[in-house]
Amino acid sequence: MIEHREETQITIKIAAQRTGLHPRIVRRCMRWGLVSQVLTEAELVELRRIRRLSSLGINLAGIDVILRMRQRIQALQAELERLEASL
């Protein structure tokens, strides 16, 4: 039996409190597409990652590039694992 877990939606205010970001920054990240419009625990992980990158002096445009490259690398690693398993 497959369980379908619904993730609890988190408000911008709560997300900001739990990640240490200002609510305005959380909204901006949502507008930029760095996190989805429906905030869940997975988005909080990304927002914390964004906070760490921001603390290093990287602006949102740079963070956007870094996160997209990270996603691409993960996709390529998964594809490589799939190909290796099929050999």
N, C-alpha and C. Protein backbone atom coordinates (compact mmCIF):
# COMPACT_ATOMS: atom_id res chain seq x y z
N MET A 1 0.84 -1.18 0.00
CA MET A 1 0.00 0.00 0.00
C MET A 1 0.88 1.24 0.00
N ILE A 2 0.59 2.16 -0.87
CA ILE A 2 1.35 3.41 -0.97
C ILE A 2 0.65 4.46 -0.13
N GLU A 3 1.44 5.08 0.74
CA GLU A 3 0.89 6.14 1.57
C GLU A 3 1.14 7.47 0.88
N HIS A 4 0.14 8.29 0.87
CA HIS A 4 0.27 9.65 0.33
C HIS A 4 0.29 10.60 1.50
N ARG A 5 1.44 11.21 1.70
CA ARG A 5 1.58 12.16 2.79
C ARG A 5 1.32 13.55 2.27
N GLU A 6 0.39 14.21 2.87
CA GLU A 6 0.17 15.60 2.52
C GLU A 6 1.08 16.44 3.40
N GLU A 7 1.81 17.33 2.77
CA GLU A 7 2.67 18.20 3.55
C GLU A 7 1.86 19.41 3.98
N THR A 8 2.07 19.81 5.20
CA THR A 8 1.38 20.96 5.74
C THR A 8 1.91 22.22 5.08
N GLN A 9 1.00 23.07 4.65
CA GLN A 9 1.40 24.35 4.08
C GLN A 9 1.81 25.28 5.21
N ILE A 10 2.84 26.03 4.96
CA ILE A 10 3.41 26.92 5.96
C ILE A 10 3.21 28.36 5.48
N THR A 11 2.82 29.23 6.39
CA THR A 11 2.63 30.64 6.02
C THR A 11 3.98 31.32 5.83
N ILE A 12 3.96 32.43 5.13
CA ILE A 12 5.18 33.20 4.90
C ILE A 12 5.77 33.65 6.23
N LYS A 13 4.92 34.09 7.14
CA LYS A 13 5.39 34.57 8.44
C LYS A 13 6.11 33.46 9.20
N ILE A 14 5.52 32.27 9.24
CA ILE A 14 6.13 31.14 9.94
C ILE A 14 7.42 30.72 9.23
N ALA A 15 7.39 30.69 7.90
CA ALA A 15 8.60 30.34 7.14
C ALA A 15 9.73 31.31 7.45
N ALA A 16 9.40 32.57 7.51
CA ALA A 16 10.42 33.58 7.82
C ALA A 16 10.99 33.36 9.21
N GLN A 17 10.13 33.10 10.17
CA GLN A 17 10.59 32.86 11.55
C GLN A 17 11.48 31.62 11.62
N ARG A 18 11.08 30.58 10.93
CA ARG A 18 11.81 29.30 11.03
C ARG A 18 13.10 29.28 10.22
N THR A 19 13.25 30.19 9.28
CA THR A 19 14.46 30.21 8.45
C THR A 19 15.39 31.38 8.76
N GLY A 20 14.91 32.32 9.53
CA GLY A 20 15.73 33.49 9.84
C GLY A 20 15.76 34.53 8.74
N LEU A 21 14.83 34.43 7.80
CA LEU A 21 14.73 35.40 6.72
C LEU A 21 13.60 36.38 7.00
N HIS A 22 13.67 37.55 6.43
CA HIS A 22 12.58 38.51 6.53
C HIS A 22 11.44 38.05 5.62
N PRO A 23 10.18 38.25 6.03
CA PRO A 23 9.06 37.83 5.17
C PRO A 23 9.15 38.39 3.75
N ARG A 24 9.67 39.59 3.61
CA ARG A 24 9.82 40.20 2.28
C ARG A 24 10.77 39.37 1.41
N ILE A 25 11.83 38.84 2.01
CA ILE A 25 12.78 38.00 1.27
C ILE A 25 12.12 36.68 0.87
N VAL A 26 11.33 36.11 1.77
CA VAL A 26 10.61 34.87 1.45
C VAL A 26 9.70 35.10 0.25
N ARG A 27 8.95 36.22 0.27
CA ARG A 27 8.07 36.55 -0.86
C ARG A 27 8.87 36.72 -2.16
N ARG A 28 10.00 37.39 -2.05
CA ARG A 28 10.84 37.61 -3.24
C ARG A 28 11.34 36.27 -3.79
N CYS A 29 11.73 35.36 -2.91
CA CYS A 29 12.17 34.04 -3.35
C CYS A 29 11.05 33.30 -4.05
N MET A 30 9.84 33.49 -3.58
CA MET A 30 8.68 32.85 -4.22
C MET A 30 8.46 33.46 -5.61
N ARG A 31 8.56 34.79 -5.71
CA ARG A 31 8.38 35.45 -7.01
C ARG A 31 9.45 35.03 -8.00
N TRP A 32 10.68 34.86 -7.55
CA TRP A 32 11.79 34.47 -8.41
C TRP A 32 11.71 33.00 -8.78
N GLY A 33 10.85 32.25 -8.12
CA GLY A 33 10.74 30.82 -8.41
C GLY A 33 11.79 29.98 -7.71
N LEU A 34 12.47 30.56 -6.70
CA LEU A 34 13.47 29.81 -5.96
C LEU A 34 12.81 28.77 -5.05
N VAL A 35 11.61 29.06 -4.62
CA VAL A 35 10.78 28.10 -3.87
C VAL A 35 9.37 28.19 -4.45
N SER A 36 8.58 27.15 -4.21
CA SER A 36 7.23 27.15 -4.78
C SER A 36 6.32 28.10 -4.00
N GLN A 37 5.18 28.38 -4.58
CA GLN A 37 4.21 29.27 -3.96
C GLN A 37 3.57 28.63 -2.74
N VAL A 38 3.59 27.30 -2.67
CA VAL A 38 3.06 26.58 -1.52
C VAL A 38 4.25 26.17 -0.66
N LEU A 39 4.41 26.83 0.47
CA LEU A 39 5.56 26.57 1.33
C LEU A 39 5.34 25.32 2.16
N THR A 40 6.31 24.40 2.08
CA THR A 40 6.29 23.17 2.86
C THR A 40 7.66 23.03 3.53
N GLU A 41 7.85 21.94 4.23
CA GLU A 41 9.15 21.69 4.88
C GLU A 41 10.28 21.66 3.86
N ALA A 42 10.01 21.12 2.67
CA ALA A 42 11.04 21.07 1.62
C ALA A 42 11.46 22.48 1.21
N GLU A 43 10.50 23.39 1.13
CA GLU A 43 10.82 24.77 0.78
C GLU A 43 11.61 25.44 1.90
N LEU A 44 11.34 25.06 3.14
CA LEU A 44 12.11 25.64 4.26
C LEU A 44 13.58 25.24 4.15
N VAL A 45 13.84 24.02 3.70
CA VAL A 45 15.22 23.59 3.48
C VAL A 45 15.88 24.49 2.44
N GLU A 46 15.17 24.75 1.35
CA GLU A 46 15.71 25.63 0.31
C GLU A 46 15.89 27.05 0.82
N LEU A 47 14.94 27.54 1.60
CA LEU A 47 15.06 28.90 2.15
C LEU A 47 16.27 29.01 3.08
N ARG A 48 16.54 27.97 3.85
CA ARG A 48 17.74 27.98 4.71
C ARG A 48 19.00 27.97 3.85
N ARG A 49 18.96 27.23 2.76
CA ARG A 49 20.10 27.22 1.83
C ARG A 49 20.29 28.62 1.24
N ILE A 50 19.20 29.26 0.88
CA ILE A 50 19.24 30.62 0.35
C ILE A 50 19.82 31.57 1.38
N ARG A 51 19.40 31.42 2.63
CA ARG A 51 19.94 32.28 3.70
C ARG A 51 21.44 32.11 3.83
N ARG A 52 21.93 30.86 3.78
CA ARG A 52 23.38 30.61 3.88
C ARG A 52 24.13 31.25 2.72
N LEU A 53 23.61 31.08 1.51
CA LEU A 53 24.27 31.68 0.34
C LEU A 53 24.25 33.20 0.43
N SER A 54 23.13 33.74 0.88
CA SER A 54 23.01 35.19 1.03
C SER A 54 24.01 35.72 2.06
N SER A 55 24.21 34.95 3.13
CA SER A 55 25.16 35.39 4.16
C SER A 55 26.60 35.40 3.64
N LEU A 56 26.84 34.69 2.54
CA LEU A 56 28.15 34.71 1.90
C LEU A 56 28.30 35.89 0.94
N GLY A 57 27.25 36.69 0.83
CA GLY A 57 27.30 37.88 -0.02
C GLY A 57 26.78 37.67 -1.42
N ILE A 58 26.11 36.54 -1.66
CA ILE A 58 25.60 36.25 -3.00
C ILE A 58 24.19 36.83 -3.13
N ASN A 59 23.94 37.56 -4.20
CA ASN A 59 22.62 38.16 -4.40
C ASN A 59 21.65 37.11 -4.94
N LEU A 60 20.36 37.47 -5.03
CA LEU A 60 19.35 36.50 -5.44
C LEU A 60 19.56 35.98 -6.85
N ALA A 61 20.08 36.82 -7.74
CA ALA A 61 20.35 36.35 -9.10
C ALA A 61 21.43 35.26 -9.07
N GLY A 62 22.46 35.46 -8.29
CA GLY A 62 23.52 34.46 -8.16
C GLY A 62 23.01 33.20 -7.47
N ILE A 63 22.17 33.37 -6.45
CA ILE A 63 21.58 32.23 -5.76
C ILE A 63 20.73 31.42 -6.71
N ASP A 64 19.98 32.11 -7.56
CA ASP A 64 19.15 31.44 -8.56
C ASP A 64 20.01 30.55 -9.45
N VAL A 65 21.12 31.07 -9.93
CA VAL A 65 22.03 30.30 -10.80
C VAL A 65 22.58 29.10 -10.04
N ILE A 66 23.03 29.31 -8.82
CA ILE A 66 23.61 28.24 -8.02
C ILE A 66 22.59 27.13 -7.77
N LEU A 67 21.37 27.49 -7.39
CA LEU A 67 20.35 26.48 -7.10
C LEU A 67 19.95 25.71 -8.35
N ARG A 68 19.86 26.40 -9.48
CA ARG A 68 19.53 25.70 -10.73
C ARG A 68 20.65 24.76 -11.15
N MET A 69 21.90 25.18 -10.97
CA MET A 69 23.03 24.30 -11.27
C MET A 69 23.02 23.09 -10.34
N ARG A 70 22.71 23.30 -9.09
CA ARG A 70 22.63 22.22 -8.11
C ARG A 70 21.57 21.19 -8.52
N GLN A 71 20.40 21.68 -8.93
CA GLN A 71 19.33 20.79 -9.38
C GLN A 71 19.76 20.00 -10.61
N ARG A 72 20.45 20.66 -11.53
CA ARG A 72 20.91 19.99 -12.75
C ARG A 72 21.93 18.92 -12.43
N ILE A 73 22.85 19.21 -11.51
CA ILE A 73 23.86 18.23 -11.11
C ILE A 73 23.19 17.02 -10.47
N GLN A 74 22.19 17.26 -9.62
CA GLN A 74 21.48 16.15 -8.99
C GLN A 74 20.76 15.30 -10.04
N ALA A 75 20.16 15.95 -11.03
CA ALA A 75 19.47 15.21 -12.09
C ALA A 75 20.47 14.38 -12.90
N LEU A 76 21.63 14.95 -13.19
CA LEU A 76 22.65 14.22 -13.94
C LEU A 76 23.20 13.05 -13.13
N GLN A 77 23.38 13.24 -11.82
CA GLN A 77 23.85 12.15 -10.98
C GLN A 77 22.82 11.01 -10.95
N ALA A 78 21.55 11.35 -10.86
CA ALA A 78 20.50 10.34 -10.85
C ALA A 78 20.48 9.59 -12.18
N GLU A 79 20.65 10.31 -13.28
CA GLU A 79 20.68 9.68 -14.60
C GLU A 79 21.90 8.76 -14.72
N LEU A 80 23.04 9.18 -14.23
CA LEU A 80 24.23 8.36 -14.26
C LEU A 80 24.04 7.08 -13.45
N GLU A 81 23.45 7.19 -12.27
CA GLU A 81 23.17 6.01 -11.45
C GLU A 81 22.22 5.07 -12.17
N ARG A 82 21.21 5.61 -12.84
CA ARG A 82 20.26 4.80 -13.58
C ARG A 82 20.96 4.05 -14.71
N LEU A 83 21.82 4.75 -15.43
CA LEU A 83 22.55 4.14 -16.53
C LEU A 83 23.52 3.06 -16.03
N GLU A 84 24.21 3.35 -14.93
CA GLU A 84 25.13 2.35 -14.38
C GLU A 84 24.38 1.10 -13.92
N ALA A 85 23.20 1.29 -13.37
CA ALA A 85 22.41 0.15 -12.90
C ALA A 85 21.90 -0.71 -14.06
N SER A 86 21.74 -0.11 -15.22
CA SER A 86 21.21 -0.85 -16.37
C SER A 86 22.31 -1.62 -17.11
N LEU A 87 23.56 -1.37 -16.76
CA LEU A 87 24.67 -2.08 -17.45
C LEU A 87 24.81 -3.50 -16.98
